Amino acid sequence: MARTSSVKADDVRLDAVFSALADPTRRRILQRLSRGPASVGELAEPFAMSLPAVSKHLKVLEDAGLMQRERDGRFHRCHLDARPLERAGEFIEHYRAFWEGTLEQLARYLEEDDENR
């Protein structure tokens, strides 16, 4: 039974990562954090939204394990944690052979179709 709960926990974490990555605002925040730590205000600066709205995005990233916050009183410094992206990359890589094979089959089909015309 421990294996099943471990697999489910892994699925929950992976779901959280993909859910976090599904939003363009959160992807832009991660892109900014990839250049180094930033304050919440610095992260909010390029967006036309309130600070509480940006904080909600940051919470989603934190819950997915993609970001960590250091608090010093009211000052929050955010850091990227890319480790969960490794598992997401492994998941996607697993299907690479399928989509590459499918694209190759489509290309062959289209070439044969052109030759038969």
Protein backbone atom coordinates (compact mmCIF):
# COMPACT_ATOMS: atom_id res chain seq x y z
CA MET A 1 0.00 0.00 0.00
CA ALA A 2 2.94 2.36 0.63
CA ARG A 3 3.89 2.21 -3.07
CA THR A 4 0.40 3.33 -4.12
CA SER A 5 0.39 6.29 -1.76
CA SER A 6 3.90 7.23 -2.94
CA VAL A 7 2.78 7.14 -6.57
CA LYS A 8 -0.29 9.23 -5.72
CA ALA A 9 1.85 11.78 -3.85
CA ASP A 10 4.16 12.01 -6.87
CA ASP A 11 1.13 12.52 -9.13
CA VAL A 12 -0.20 15.26 -6.84
CA ARG A 13 3.17 17.07 -6.94
CA LEU A 14 3.39 16.71 -10.72
CA ASP A 15 -0.19 17.99 -11.10
CA ALA A 16 0.71 21.03 -8.99
CA VAL A 17 3.76 21.77 -11.16
CA PHE A 18 1.83 21.52 -14.43
CA SER A 19 -1.01 23.58 -12.98
CA ALA A 20 1.45 26.28 -11.90
CA LEU A 21 3.10 26.25 -15.33
CA ALA A 22 -0.26 26.51 -17.12
CA ASP A 23 -0.51 30.23 -16.33
CA PRO A 24 1.56 32.72 -18.37
CA THR A 25 1.96 35.10 -15.42
CA ARG A 26 3.48 32.35 -13.31
CA ARG A 27 5.78 31.30 -16.16
CA ARG A 28 7.00 34.91 -16.45
CA ILE A 29 7.60 35.02 -12.69
CA LEU A 30 9.66 31.82 -12.92
CA GLN A 31 11.55 33.26 -15.86
CA ARG A 32 12.42 36.33 -13.78
CA LEU A 33 13.46 34.17 -10.81
CA SER A 34 15.74 32.15 -13.07
CA ARG A 35 17.94 35.27 -13.22
CA GLY A 36 18.20 35.40 -9.42
CA PRO A 37 16.25 36.17 -6.24
CA ALA A 38 13.73 39.01 -6.24
CA SER A 39 11.42 40.74 -3.82
CA VAL A 40 7.66 40.42 -4.19
CA GLY A 41 7.55 44.06 -5.33
CA GLU A 42 10.18 43.40 -8.01
CA LEU A 43 8.22 40.40 -9.22
CA ALA A 44 4.97 42.39 -9.31
CA GLU A 45 6.46 45.36 -11.16
CA PRO A 46 5.94 44.23 -14.78
CA PHE A 47 2.33 43.15 -14.22
CA ALA A 48 -0.78 45.30 -14.41
CA MET A 49 -2.33 43.67 -11.36
CA SER A 50 -2.55 44.29 -7.66
CA LEU A 51 0.05 43.09 -5.20
CA PRO A 52 -2.49 40.67 -3.64
CA ALA A 53 -3.13 39.17 -7.10
CA VAL A 54 0.61 38.64 -7.64
CA SER A 55 0.83 37.14 -4.14
CA LYS A 56 -1.80 34.57 -5.13
CA HIS A 57 0.37 33.55 -8.11
CA LEU A 58 3.40 33.31 -5.82
CA LYS A 59 1.43 31.08 -3.44
CA VAL A 60 0.62 28.69 -6.31
CA LEU A 61 4.31 28.56 -7.24
CA GLU A 62 5.25 27.94 -3.59
CA ASP A 63 2.66 25.19 -3.22
CA ALA A 64 4.07 23.50 -6.35
CA GLY A 65 7.55 23.69 -4.82
CA LEU A 66 8.83 25.91 -7.64
CA MET A 67 9.60 28.88 -5.44
CA GLN A 68 10.69 29.55 -1.89
CA ARG A 69 10.29 32.71 0.16
CA GLU A 70 12.60 34.07 2.79
CA ARG A 71 10.87 36.44 5.17
CA ASP A 72 12.62 39.22 7.02
CA GLY A 73 9.86 41.05 8.80
CA ARG A 74 7.62 42.44 6.07
CA PHE A 75 10.26 41.97 3.38
CA HIS A 76 9.96 38.79 1.30
CA ARG A 77 12.74 37.58 -0.99
CA CYS A 78 11.75 34.88 -3.49
CA HIS A 79 14.03 32.19 -4.93
CA LEU A 80 13.48 29.72 -7.75
CA ASP A 81 13.56 26.03 -6.86
CA ALA A 82 13.81 24.21 -10.19
CA ARG A 83 13.90 20.67 -8.74
CA PRO A 84 10.19 19.99 -9.44
CA LEU A 85 10.79 20.90 -13.09
CA GLU A 86 13.12 17.92 -13.36
CA ARG A 87 10.25 15.50 -12.68
CA ALA A 88 8.02 17.37 -15.14
CA GLY A 89 10.79 17.14 -17.74
CA GLU A 90 11.11 13.40 -17.15
CA PHE A 91 7.37 13.01 -17.65
CA ILE A 92 7.48 14.91 -20.95
CA GLU A 93 10.64 13.13 -22.11
CA HIS A 94 8.91 9.78 -21.62
CA TYR A 95 6.47 10.72 -24.41
CA ARG A 96 9.04 12.24 -26.80
CA ALA A 97 9.47 8.97 -28.74
CA PHE A 98 5.70 8.76 -29.23
CA TRP A 99 5.26 12.26 -30.64
CA GLU A 100 8.43 12.06 -32.74
CA GLY A 101 7.29 8.71 -34.14
CA THR A 102 3.84 10.11 -34.84
CA LEU A 103 5.33 13.11 -36.67
CA GLU A 104 7.59 10.82 -38.71
CA GLN A 105 4.60 8.67 -39.66
CA LEU A 106 2.68 11.78 -40.70
CA ALA A 107 5.60 12.99 -42.81
CA ARG A 108 5.85 9.59 -44.57
CA TYR A 109 2.10 9.58 -45.19
CA LEU A 110 2.18 13.06 -46.69
CA GLU A 111 5.19 12.20 -48.89
CA GLU A 112 3.44 9.04 -50.15
CA ASP A 113 0.24 11.01 -50.76
CA ASP A 114 2.18 13.57 -52.82
CA GLU A 115 3.79 10.79 -54.88
CA ASN A 116 0.39 9.22 -55.60
CA ARG A 117 -1.08 12.44 -56.97
